Every structure is written in structure tokens, then in C-alpha cells.
Amino acid sequence: MKKIKSVVLFYNSRSRKALAYSSAIVRRLKVQGVKVSKICVNDAACEVKAADAAVAVGGDGTVLYAARHVIALGLPVLGINAGGLGFLSGIEQKEFLKSAEVFLRGGFRKFKRSLLAVSVLRGGKKVFGPMPALNDCVIRSPEARAFPLRASFGSQFLSEYFGDGLIISTPSGSTAYNLAASGPIVLPDLEVFLLSPICPHTLTHRPIVLSASEELRVAVQGWRSGPQQLRLSMDGQETFNLEPGDTVLVGRHPRSLELLAPAGFSYFDVLRRKLSWGER
């Protein structure tokens, strides 16, 4: 990895901890002569300029926001945890301040993560997307009513679902909403999708792992008990209202995201520390 001379820093202005951490990190970087441009994830508009790397200071939501906004530029992203779980973060703030020089000389490792590319067809025409998503896209209703969906994988019919919705996640998102819906934990370097039904009205519908080489199509069927609202959500941050007859297309994004972490980083260590994985 090349030396880092310019950084785009994403931060969450609604978090006191993130604001304090961001200030300390900016001071540390500027002492080393690094050019820093700051982006608040709570602003309505966001314009990311070219840089050598992106730094996301906050929780997982800040990393997700940064990932969607830098993927087109191909910037590697370092997540510095200033939130709660911080599952997508590569390092804690105190550790970063100690190892900033290693980071700036290109001493951190790159870990590739796949993203989803999500689009919506209406009447045969694209009305939304493609929108990148690092964790997942979710189809569900804000109302407490089940609804029907019809899923196809590639050229094959997959299944009809009736329940509270569907979660389509990447391996990175396998430890997020997918895990809460009883989906499996998947190593982040695998090229797969996970399709997990939300409270299905059939005991036999269970999460399924699909190859990312094919496109998943989910058709919104007509309502069974009167009109209701349906929403498509990307990483829990970008939303689009769906209508009967719409088809959600989910494929692998053509670009991979590069997450940065120190040389000794281990995904299994993250599982043990963040999720208490394997503890009795």
C-alpha cells in the first residue's frame, strides 16, 4: 500500500465521543503533514473528493455511510470505533493514535469486502439504482402486516415468501440484521449472498446461502388484505418506496471495498471480542 498524504474523514456529529475522537485524529494527522477533508454523515449532501484513503470515525453506521460514498472512487476505508459494537471498525481510537505513523506509511493490511448493487424495475423500466450496499438490503413494511414476495435466482424460480419481509445480505452483513433473523455467520471474503426471511408464515422457510455470480430478483406481489406500504432499505440508511408489480434486482457490485486494519487483525478475534462468540 502506498504512503498516505491525504485523507477523507467521515464523522458522526450527533455523537460526542465521535466528535472528540475526530478532533484528536485530525490533529494527529495534520502533525504528520496529512491533508484532511471532513464529511459529516448527518449532512444532507455529500461530495467526496479524491484522496489516498478514507477514515470513518464512529460506529458501524459511519463505516456503512463511508463505504457507499467512496466505492466509486476506490478509496480504502479505515474504521475507527467511536460507537458501541464497532464490528466493521479495524481499530480502536487509542490504538490508532499510537500506530498512526504505520498507517500513513502504508503499513496497514487491506481486506476486500463485496457489496450489493440494488436496483428496482417498475413497468420494465429502472426507477431506482443501482445503489451500493455493504451490509444488506431489506424489503419490509412499517405496518404490522405480512405480505407476499416472489424470489428468483438467475433463471430459476426460488420460492414465494409470505411474512414480514426479506433480508438480502453480504458476508459483511451476515453479523447484522441477518444474524438477528437466525441467518449464518459467513466469512467476509466469500463471494455469496444470504437470503433470510423475516418471520415467515411457514416453518420450512429458512435462510439460504446463494452464489454471488447470479442475480437475485424479488417481485412484489399484489396485496392480500388491502393496500400497504413497502420499503426497500439499503444498509438501514437509504430507502425507496415499493409498489405492487415492482421487481427488486440484487447483484454483486462491480467494485470491491477495501477495509484497512493493522497487520495482526483477525476476523475470528473480532467475533470473540464483539459478539462473545463461543463463550459459555
C-alpha atoms as a PDB file:
ATOM      1  CA  MET A   1       0.000   0.000   0.000  1.00  0.00           C
ATOM      2  CA  LYS A   2       1.306   3.484  -0.919  1.00  0.00           C
ATOM      3  CA  LYS A   3       2.036   6.242   1.586  1.00  0.00           C
ATOM      4  CA  ILE A   4      -0.993   8.251   2.690  1.00  0.00           C
ATOM      5  CA  LYS A   5      -0.758  12.002   2.222  1.00  0.00           C
ATOM      6  CA  SER A   6      -4.459  12.911   2.046  1.00  0.00           C
ATOM      7  CA  VAL A   7      -7.475  11.579   3.935  1.00  0.00           C
ATOM      8  CA  VAL A   8     -11.254  11.990   3.771  1.00  0.00           C
ATOM      9  CA  LEU A   9     -12.559  11.748   7.340  1.00  0.00           C
ATOM     10  CA  PHE A  10     -16.205  10.785   7.939  1.00  0.00           C
ATOM     11  CA  TYR A  11     -17.664  11.506  11.366  1.00  0.00           C
ATOM     12  CA  ASN A  12     -20.982  11.478  13.211  1.00  0.00           C
ATOM     13  CA  SER A  13     -21.753  14.931  14.626  1.00  0.00           C
ATOM     14  CA  ARG A  14     -24.502  13.520  16.872  1.00  0.00           C
ATOM     15  CA  SER A  15     -22.003  11.508  18.906  1.00  0.00           C
ATOM     16  CA  ARG A  16     -19.910  13.375  21.490  1.00  0.00           C
ATOM     17  CA  LYS A  17     -17.408  10.551  21.531  1.00  0.00           C
ATOM     18  CA  ALA A  18     -17.075  10.611  17.708  1.00  0.00           C
ATOM     19  CA  LEU A  19     -16.588  14.394  17.736  1.00  0.00           C
ATOM     20  CA  ALA A  20     -13.886  14.174  20.399  1.00  0.00           C
ATOM     21  CA  TYR A  21     -12.135  11.275  18.659  1.00  0.00           C
ATOM     22  CA  SER A  22     -12.314  13.032  15.288  1.00  0.00           C
ATOM     23  CA  SER A  23     -10.662  16.164  16.657  1.00  0.00           C
ATOM     24  CA  ALA A  24      -7.820  14.150  18.191  1.00  0.00           C
ATOM     25  CA  ILE A  25      -7.326  12.131  14.997  1.00  0.00           C
ATOM     26  CA  VAL A  26      -7.333  15.231  12.768  1.00  0.00           C
ATOM     27  CA  ARG A  27      -4.707  16.863  14.991  1.00  0.00           C
ATOM     28  CA  ARG A  28      -2.582  13.712  14.858  1.00  0.00           C
ATOM     29  CA  LEU A  29      -2.799  13.503  11.067  1.00  0.00           C
ATOM     30  CA  LYS A  30      -2.064  17.185  10.489  1.00  0.00           C
ATOM     31  CA  VAL A  31       1.035  16.978  12.672  1.00  0.00           C
ATOM     32  CA  GLN A  32       2.260  14.396  10.157  1.00  0.00           C
ATOM     33  CA  GLY A  33       1.556  16.784   7.267  1.00  0.00           C
ATOM     34  CA  VAL A  34      -1.554  14.931   6.039  1.00  0.00           C
ATOM     35  CA  LYS A  35      -4.252  16.874   4.186  1.00  0.00           C
ATOM     36  CA  VAL A  36      -7.635  16.142   5.822  1.00  0.00           C
ATOM     37  CA  SER A  37     -11.100  16.898   4.435  1.00  0.00           C
ATOM     38  CA  LYS A  38     -14.028  16.247   6.792  1.00  0.00           C
ATOM     39  CA  ILE A  39     -17.513  14.962   5.924  1.00  0.00           C
ATOM     40  CA  CYS A  40     -20.369  14.817   8.424  1.00  0.00           C
ATOM     41  CA  VAL A  41     -22.591  11.779   7.829  1.00  0.00           C
ATOM     42  CA  ASN A  42     -25.613  13.754   9.076  1.00  0.00           C
ATOM     43  CA  ASP A  43     -25.449  16.395   6.335  1.00  0.00           C
ATOM     44  CA  ALA A  44     -27.993  16.202   3.541  1.00  0.00           C
ATOM     45  CA  ALA A  45     -25.420  16.442   0.739  1.00  0.00           C
ATOM     46  CA  CYS A  46     -22.052  14.756   0.468  1.00  0.00           C
ATOM     47  CA  GLU A  47     -19.271  15.348  -2.073  1.00  0.00           C
ATOM     48  CA  VAL A  48     -16.225  13.127  -1.697  1.00  0.00           C
ATOM     49  CA  LYS A  49     -13.017  14.375  -3.284  1.00  0.00           C
ATOM     50  CA  ALA A  50     -10.086  12.234  -4.340  1.00  0.00           C
ATOM     51  CA  ALA A  51      -7.729  11.180  -1.546  1.00  0.00           C
ATOM     52  CA  ASP A  52      -5.381   8.356  -0.628  1.00  0.00           C
ATOM     53  CA  ALA A  53      -7.725   6.838   1.974  1.00  0.00           C
ATOM     54  CA  ALA A  54     -10.926   7.358   3.916  1.00  0.00           C
ATOM     55  CA  VAL A  55     -11.210   7.253   7.704  1.00  0.00           C
ATOM     56  CA  ALA A  56     -14.616   6.638   9.317  1.00  0.00           C
ATOM     57  CA  VAL A  57     -14.821   7.707  12.973  1.00  0.00           C
ATOM     58  CA  GLY A  58     -17.949   6.408  14.675  1.00  0.00           C
ATOM     59  CA  GLY A  59     -19.954   3.216  14.839  1.00  0.00           C
ATOM     60  CA  ASP A  60     -20.799   0.740  12.101  1.00  0.00           C
ATOM     61  CA  GLY A  61     -23.280   3.199  10.585  1.00  0.00           C
ATOM     62  CA  THR A  62     -20.476   5.647   9.844  1.00  0.00           C
ATOM     63  CA  VAL A  63     -18.446   2.932   8.084  1.00  0.00           C
ATOM     64  CA  LEU A  64     -21.510   1.900   6.050  1.00  0.00           C
ATOM     65  CA  TYR A  65     -22.107   5.502   5.015  1.00  0.00           C
ATOM     66  CA  ALA A  66     -18.468   5.989   4.042  1.00  0.00           C
ATOM     67  CA  ALA A  67     -18.388   2.726   2.068  1.00  0.00           C
ATOM     68  CA  ARG A  68     -21.327   3.713  -0.156  1.00  0.00           C
ATOM     69  CA  HIS A  69     -19.823   7.139  -0.848  1.00  0.00           C
ATOM     70  CA  VAL A  70     -16.235   6.122  -1.622  1.00  0.00           C
ATOM     71  CA  ILE A  71     -16.770   2.907  -3.577  1.00  0.00           C
ATOM     72  CA  ALA A  72     -16.899   4.781  -6.908  1.00  0.00           C
ATOM     73  CA  LEU A  73     -13.500   6.367  -6.157  1.00  0.00           C
ATOM     74  CA  GLY A  74     -11.931   3.128  -4.979  1.00  0.00           C
ATOM     75  CA  LEU A  75     -10.690   4.565  -1.671  1.00  0.00           C
ATOM     76  CA  PRO A  76      -9.672   2.132   1.068  1.00  0.00           C
ATOM     77  CA  VAL A  77     -11.543   2.724   4.338  1.00  0.00           C
ATOM     78  CA  LEU A  78     -10.243   2.553   7.892  1.00  0.00           C
ATOM     79  CA  GLY A  79     -12.979   2.345  10.521  1.00  0.00           C
ATOM     80  CA  ILE A  80     -12.046   3.782  13.927  1.00  0.00           C
ATOM     81  CA  ASN A  81     -14.566   2.765  16.550  1.00  0.00           C
ATOM     82  CA  ALA A  82     -16.295   5.543  18.450  1.00  0.00           C
ATOM     83  CA  GLY A  83     -19.639   3.798  18.778  1.00  0.00           C
ATOM     84  CA  GLY A  84     -20.929   0.737  20.568  1.00  0.00           C
ATOM     85  CA  LEU A  85     -20.252  -2.536  18.795  1.00  0.00           C
ATOM     86  CA  GLY A  86     -17.961  -1.218  16.058  1.00  0.00           C
ATOM     87  CA  PHE A  87     -17.976  -4.552  14.243  1.00  0.00           C
ATOM     88  CA  LEU A  88     -16.783  -3.043  10.948  1.00  0.00           C
ATOM     89  CA  SER A  89     -14.038  -0.985  12.580  1.00  0.00           C
ATOM     90  CA  GLY A  90     -10.452  -2.027  12.038  1.00  0.00           C
ATOM     91  CA  ILE A  91      -9.038  -0.350  15.137  1.00  0.00           C
ATOM     92  CA  GLU A  92      -9.881   1.488  18.351  1.00  0.00           C
ATOM     93  CA  GLN A  93      -9.076   5.192  18.702  1.00  0.00           C
ATOM     94  CA  LYS A  94      -6.277   4.844  21.278  1.00  0.00           C
ATOM     95  CA  GLU A  95      -4.600   2.157  19.181  1.00  0.00           C
ATOM     96  CA  PHE A  96      -4.786   4.352  16.077  1.00  0.00           C
ATOM     97  CA  LEU A  97      -3.129   7.321  17.797  1.00  0.00           C
ATOM     98  CA  LYS A  98      -0.238   5.009  18.712  1.00  0.00           C
ATOM     99  CA  SER A  99       0.068   3.463  15.238  1.00  0.00           C
ATOM    100  CA  ALA A 100      -0.747   6.477  13.028  1.00  0.00           C
ATOM    101  CA  GLU A 101       2.744   6.508  11.508  1.00  0.00           C
ATOM    102  CA  VAL A 102       2.384   2.850  10.462  1.00  0.00           C
ATOM    103  CA  PHE A 103      -0.960   3.691   8.839  1.00  0.00           C
ATOM    104  CA  LEU A 104       0.460   6.697   6.978  1.00  0.00           C
ATOM    105  CA  ARG A 105       3.419   4.815   5.543  1.00  0.00           C
ATOM    106  CA  GLY A 106       1.038   2.186   4.145  1.00  0.00           C
ATOM    107  CA  GLY A 107       1.649  -0.454   6.805  1.00  0.00           C
ATOM    108  CA  PHE A 108      -1.979  -1.486   7.338  1.00  0.00           C
ATOM    109  CA  ARG A 109      -3.455  -4.550   5.580  1.00  0.00           C
ATOM    110  CA  LYS A 110      -6.254  -4.421   3.026  1.00  0.00           C
ATOM    111  CA  PHE A 111      -9.261  -6.720   3.310  1.00  0.00           C
ATOM    112  CA  LYS A 112     -11.602  -6.911   0.333  1.00  0.00           C
ATOM    113  CA  ARG A 113     -15.344  -6.830   1.001  1.00  0.00           C
ATOM    114  CA  SER A 114     -18.046  -7.373  -1.603  1.00  0.00           C
ATOM    115  CA  LEU A 115     -21.054  -5.073  -1.896  1.00  0.00           C
ATOM    116  CA  LEU A 116     -24.557  -5.451  -3.261  1.00  0.00           C
ATOM    117  CA  ALA A 117     -25.810  -3.466  -6.245  1.00  0.00           C
ATOM    118  CA  VAL A 118     -29.548  -2.878  -5.744  1.00  0.00           C
ATOM    119  CA  SER A 119     -31.992  -1.660  -8.410  1.00  0.00           C
ATOM    120  CA  VAL A 120     -35.783  -1.512  -8.853  1.00  0.00           C
ATOM    121  CA  LEU A 121     -37.739  -2.129 -12.051  1.00  0.00           C
ATOM    122  CA  ARG A 122     -41.254  -0.718 -12.470  1.00  0.00           C
ATOM    123  CA  GLY A 123     -43.162  -1.474 -15.647  1.00  0.00           C
ATOM    124  CA  GLY A 124     -39.950  -2.839 -17.170  1.00  0.00           C
ATOM    125  CA  LYS A 125     -38.040   0.419 -16.553  1.00  0.00           C
ATOM    126  CA  LYS A 126     -35.387   1.106 -13.943  1.00  0.00           C
ATOM    127  CA  VAL A 127     -36.723   3.613 -11.404  1.00  0.00           C
ATOM    128  CA  PHE A 128     -34.051   3.236  -8.728  1.00  0.00           C
ATOM    129  CA  GLY A 129     -30.380   2.289  -8.528  1.00  0.00           C
ATOM    130  CA  PRO A 130     -28.043   0.704  -8.834  1.00  0.00           C
ATOM    131  CA  MET A 131     -27.336   1.599  -5.217  1.00  0.00           C
ATOM    132  CA  PRO A 132     -24.359   0.024  -3.394  1.00  0.00           C
ATOM    133  CA  ALA A 133     -24.852  -1.627  -0.001  1.00  0.00           C
ATOM    134  CA  LEU A 134     -22.064  -3.033   2.151  1.00  0.00           C
ATOM    135  CA  ASN A 135     -24.246  -4.870   4.689  1.00  0.00           C
ATOM    136  CA  ASP A 136     -27.677  -5.602   3.267  1.00  0.00           C
ATOM    137  CA  CYS A 137     -30.854  -4.568   1.561  1.00  0.00           C
ATOM    138  CA  VAL A 138     -34.163  -5.226   3.289  1.00  0.00           C
ATOM    139  CA  ILE A 139     -37.721  -5.382   1.982  1.00  0.00           C
ATOM    140  CA  ARG A 140     -40.287  -4.857   4.710  1.00  0.00           C
ATOM    141  CA  SER A 141     -43.353  -2.860   5.744  1.00  0.00           C
ATOM    142  CA  PRO A 142     -43.655  -0.280   8.533  1.00  0.00           C
ATOM    143  CA  GLU A 143     -47.065  -1.819   9.208  1.00  0.00           C
ATOM    144  CA  ALA A 144     -47.515  -4.965  11.307  1.00  0.00           C
ATOM    145  CA  ARG A 145     -48.911  -6.983   8.381  1.00  0.00           C
ATOM    146  CA  ALA A 146     -47.435  -9.826   6.361  1.00  0.00           C
ATOM    147  CA  PHE A 147     -47.141  -9.550   2.579  1.00  0.00           C
ATOM    148  CA  PRO A 148     -46.167 -11.798  -0.381  1.00  0.00           C
ATOM    149  CA  LEU A 149     -42.895 -11.766  -2.344  1.00  0.00           C
ATOM    150  CA  ARG A 150     -41.730 -13.998  -5.194  1.00  0.00           C
ATOM    151  CA  ALA A 151     -37.976 -14.668  -5.488  1.00  0.00           C
ATOM    152  CA  SER A 152     -35.947 -15.949  -8.453  1.00  0.00           C
ATOM    153  CA  PHE A 153     -32.220 -16.679  -8.616  1.00  0.00           C
ATOM    154  CA  GLY A 154     -30.657 -16.379 -12.051  1.00  0.00           C
ATOM    155  CA  SER A 155     -33.041 -18.090 -14.461  1.00  0.00           C
ATOM    156  CA  GLN A 156     -34.560 -20.300 -11.743  1.00  0.00           C
ATOM    157  CA  PHE A 157     -37.652 -19.742  -9.622  1.00  0.00           C
ATOM    158  CA  LEU A 158     -36.577 -19.845  -5.974  1.00  0.00           C
ATOM    159  CA  SER A 159     -39.647 -19.542  -3.765  1.00  0.00           C
ATOM    160  CA  GLU A 160     -42.663 -17.500  -2.754  1.00  0.00           C
ATOM    161  CA  TYR A 161     -42.457 -15.879   0.658  1.00  0.00           C
ATOM    162  CA  PHE A 162     -45.255 -14.650   2.905  1.00  0.00           C
ATOM    163  CA  GLY A 163     -44.196 -12.892   6.064  1.00  0.00           C
ATOM    164  CA  ASP A 164     -42.703  -9.645   7.340  1.00  0.00           C
ATOM    165  CA  GLY A 165     -40.126  -9.333   4.559  1.00  0.00           C
ATOM    166  CA  LEU A 166     -36.725 -10.441   3.290  1.00  0.00           C
ATOM    167  CA  ILE A 167     -33.113  -9.618   4.130  1.00  0.00           C
ATOM    168  CA  ILE A 168     -30.507  -9.958   1.370  1.00  0.00           C
ATOM    169  CA  SER A 169     -27.063  -9.530   2.884  1.00  0.00           C
ATOM    170  CA  THR A 170     -23.387  -9.712   2.014  1.00  0.00           C
ATOM    171  CA  PRO A 171     -20.952 -11.757   4.117  1.00  0.00           C
ATOM    172  CA  SER A 172     -20.021  -8.478   5.848  1.00  0.00           C
ATOM    173  CA  GLY A 173     -23.680  -8.055   6.784  1.00  0.00           C
ATOM    174  CA  SER A 174     -24.056 -11.639   7.958  1.00  0.00           C
ATOM    175  CA  THR A 175     -23.401 -10.494  11.549  1.00  0.00           C
ATOM    176  CA  ALA A 176     -26.005  -7.696  11.359  1.00  0.00           C
ATOM    177  CA  TYR A 177     -29.764  -7.999  10.692  1.00  0.00           C
ATOM    178  CA  ASN A 178     -29.198 -11.386   9.046  1.00  0.00           C
ATOM    179  CA  LEU A 179     -27.847 -12.819  12.294  1.00  0.00           C
ATOM    180  CA  ALA A 180     -30.843 -11.493  14.246  1.00  0.00           C
ATOM    181  CA  ALA A 181     -33.076 -13.340  11.742  1.00  0.00           C
ATOM    182  CA  SER A 182     -31.250 -16.626  12.521  1.00  0.00           C
ATOM    183  CA  GLY A 183     -29.038 -16.430   9.423  1.00  0.00           C
ATOM    184  CA  PRO A 184     -25.498 -17.872   9.444  1.00  0.00           C
ATOM    185  CA  ILE A 185     -22.213 -16.082  10.087  1.00  0.00           C
ATOM    186  CA  VAL A 186     -20.229 -16.108   6.835  1.00  0.00           C
ATOM    187  CA  LEU A 187     -16.538 -15.361   6.334  1.00  0.00           C
ATOM    188  CA  PRO A 188     -16.336 -11.910   4.704  1.00  0.00           C
ATOM    189  CA  ASP A 189     -14.069 -12.944   1.811  1.00  0.00           C
ATOM    190  CA  LEU A 190     -16.594 -15.428   0.345  1.00  0.00           C
ATOM    191  CA  GLU A 191     -18.497 -14.466  -2.824  1.00  0.00           C
ATOM    192  CA  VAL A 192     -22.052 -15.217  -1.689  1.00  0.00           C
ATOM    193  CA  PHE A 193     -25.399 -13.625  -0.817  1.00  0.00           C
ATOM    194  CA  LEU A 194     -27.547 -14.570   2.142  1.00  0.00           C
ATOM    195  CA  LEU A 195     -31.323 -14.583   1.771  1.00  0.00           C
ATOM    196  CA  SER A 196     -33.101 -14.578   5.131  1.00  0.00           C
ATOM    197  CA  PRO A 197     -36.893 -14.369   5.548  1.00  0.00           C
ATOM    198  CA  ILE A 198     -38.229 -12.140   8.344  1.00  0.00           C
ATOM    199  CA  CYS A 199     -40.800 -14.004  10.454  1.00  0.00           C
ATOM    200  CA  PRO A 200     -42.061 -16.218   7.585  1.00  0.00           C
ATOM    201  CA  HIS A 201     -45.542 -17.719   7.896  1.00  0.00           C
ATOM    202  CA  THR A 202     -44.141 -21.162   7.058  1.00  0.00           C
ATOM    203  CA  LEU A 203     -41.968 -23.284   9.336  1.00  0.00           C
ATOM    204  CA  THR A 204     -39.991 -24.632   6.362  1.00  0.00           C
ATOM    205  CA  HIS A 205     -38.640 -21.288   5.106  1.00  0.00           C
ATOM    206  CA  ARG A 206     -35.108 -20.878   6.399  1.00  0.00           C
ATOM    207  CA  PRO A 207     -32.136 -18.661   5.419  1.00  0.00           C
ATOM    208  CA  ILE A 208     -30.262 -19.786   2.310  1.00  0.00           C
ATOM    209  CA  VAL A 209     -26.732 -19.021   1.039  1.00  0.00           C
ATOM    210  CA  LEU A 210     -26.544 -18.210  -2.685  1.00  0.00           C
ATOM    211  CA  SER A 211     -23.638 -17.686  -5.070  1.00  0.00           C
ATOM    212  CA  ALA A 212     -22.928 -14.023  -5.873  1.00  0.00           C
ATOM    213  CA  SER A 213     -22.326 -14.981  -9.511  1.00  0.00           C
ATOM    214  CA  GLU A 214     -26.067 -14.814 -10.273  1.00  0.00           C
ATOM    215  CA  GLU A 215     -28.648 -12.053  -9.842  1.00  0.00           C
ATOM    216  CA  LEU A 216     -31.453 -12.306  -7.312  1.00  0.00           C
ATOM    217  CA  ARG A 217     -34.877 -10.953  -8.371  1.00  0.00           C
ATOM    218  CA  VAL A 218     -37.621 -10.306  -5.849  1.00  0.00           C
ATOM    219  CA  ALA A 219     -41.061  -9.401  -7.232  1.00  0.00           C
ATOM    220  CA  VAL A 220     -43.594  -7.529  -5.110  1.00  0.00           C
ATOM    221  CA  GLN A 221     -46.922  -9.324  -5.390  1.00  0.00           C
ATOM    222  CA  GLY A 222     -50.391  -7.756  -5.047  1.00  0.00           C
ATOM    223  CA  TRP A 223     -51.700  -7.108  -1.534  1.00  0.00           C
ATOM    224  CA  ARG A 224     -53.747  -9.841   0.124  1.00  0.00           C
ATOM    225  CA  SER A 225     -55.604  -7.661   2.614  1.00  0.00           C
ATOM    226  CA  GLY A 226     -55.736  -4.163   1.153  1.00  0.00           C
ATOM    227  CA  PRO A 227     -53.028  -1.609   0.253  1.00  0.00           C
ATOM    228  CA  GLN A 228     -49.990  -1.213   2.490  1.00  0.00           C
ATOM    229  CA  GLN A 229     -46.606   0.491   2.434  1.00  0.00           C
ATOM    230  CA  LEU A 230     -43.467  -1.415   1.450  1.00  0.00           C
ATOM    231  CA  ARG A 231     -39.945  -0.073   1.711  1.00  0.00           C
ATOM    232  CA  LEU A 232     -36.611  -1.128   0.329  1.00  0.00           C
ATOM    233  CA  SER A 233     -33.766  -0.193   2.664  1.00  0.00           C
ATOM    234  CA  MET A 234     -30.011  -0.233   1.933  1.00  0.00           C
ATOM    235  CA  ASP A 235     -27.742  -0.543   4.984  1.00  0.00           C
ATOM    236  CA  GLY A 236     -30.622   0.880   7.045  1.00  0.00           C
ATOM    237  CA  GLN A 237     -29.791   4.351   5.669  1.00  0.00           C
ATOM    238  CA  GLU A 238     -31.133   4.718   2.106  1.00  0.00           C
ATOM    239  CA  THR A 239     -34.792   3.896   1.412  1.00  0.00           C
ATOM    240  CA  PHE A 240     -37.118   3.559  -1.585  1.00  0.00           C
ATOM    241  CA  ASN A 241     -40.897   3.031  -1.547  1.00  0.00           C
ATOM    242  CA  LEU A 242     -42.058  -0.061  -3.444  1.00  0.00           C
ATOM    243  CA  GLU A 243     -45.332  -0.677  -5.276  1.00  0.00           C
ATOM    244  CA  PRO A 244     -47.129  -3.888  -6.371  1.00  0.00           C
ATOM    245  CA  GLY A 245     -45.510  -5.193  -9.558  1.00  0.00           C
ATOM    246  CA  ASP A 246     -42.067  -3.760  -8.745  1.00  0.00           C
ATOM    247  CA  THR A 247     -39.064  -6.068  -9.067  1.00  0.00           C
ATOM    248  CA  VAL A 248     -36.014  -5.626  -6.839  1.00  0.00           C
ATOM    249  CA  LEU A 249     -32.778  -6.682  -8.546  1.00  0.00           C
ATOM    250  CA  VAL A 250     -29.833  -7.601  -6.321  1.00  0.00           C
ATOM    251  CA  GLY A 251     -26.440  -8.444  -7.786  1.00  0.00           C
ATOM    252  CA  ARG A 252     -22.788  -8.193  -6.862  1.00  0.00           C
ATOM    253  CA  HIS A 253     -21.387  -4.677  -7.140  1.00  0.00           C
ATOM    254  CA  PRO A 254     -18.633  -4.497  -9.806  1.00  0.00           C
ATOM    255  CA  ARG A 255     -16.187  -2.966  -7.309  1.00  0.00           C
ATOM    256  CA  SER A 256     -14.921  -4.403  -4.035  1.00  0.00           C
ATOM    257  CA  LEU A 257     -14.409  -2.262  -0.967  1.00  0.00           C
ATOM    258  CA  GLU A 258     -11.025  -2.349   0.731  1.00  0.00           C
ATOM    259  CA  LEU A 259     -11.196  -2.152   4.519  1.00  0.00           C
ATOM    260  CA  LEU A 260      -7.969  -1.331   6.342  1.00  0.00           C
ATOM    261  CA  ALA A 261      -6.729  -2.846   9.597  1.00  0.00           C
ATOM    262  CA  PRO A 262      -3.405  -3.382  11.421  1.00  0.00           C
ATOM    263  CA  ALA A 263      -1.222  -6.314  10.414  1.00  0.00           C
ATOM    264  CA  GLY A 264      -2.387  -8.517  13.297  1.00  0.00           C
ATOM    265  CA  PHE A 265      -6.104  -8.137  12.569  1.00  0.00           C
ATOM    266  CA  SER A 266      -8.168 -11.356  12.798  1.00  0.00           C
ATOM    267  CA  TYR A 267     -11.866 -11.708  11.881  1.00  0.00           C
ATOM    268  CA  PHE A 268     -12.260 -14.538  14.400  1.00  0.00           C
ATOM    269  CA  ASP A 269     -10.818 -12.312  17.109  1.00  0.00           C
ATOM    270  CA  VAL A 270     -13.488  -9.719  16.232  1.00  0.00           C
ATOM    271  CA  LEU A 271     -16.200 -12.390  16.591  1.00  0.00           C
ATOM    272  CA  ARG A 272     -14.888 -13.373  20.004  1.00  0.00           C
ATOM    273  CA  ARG A 273     -14.466  -9.801  21.288  1.00  0.00           C
ATOM    274  CA  LYS A 274     -17.529  -8.118  19.790  1.00  0.00           C
ATOM    275  CA  LEU A 275     -20.078 -10.954  19.883  1.00  0.00           C
ATOM    276  CA  SER A 276     -18.679 -13.037  22.764  1.00  0.00           C
ATOM    277  CA  TRP A 277     -18.590 -15.834  20.173  1.00  0.00           C
ATOM    278  CA  GLY A 278     -18.072 -19.289  21.659  1.00  0.00           C
ATOM    279  CA  GLU A 279     -18.373 -18.183  25.290  1.00  0.00           C
ATOM    280  CA  ARG A 280     -20.425 -20.256  27.721  1.00  0.00           C
END
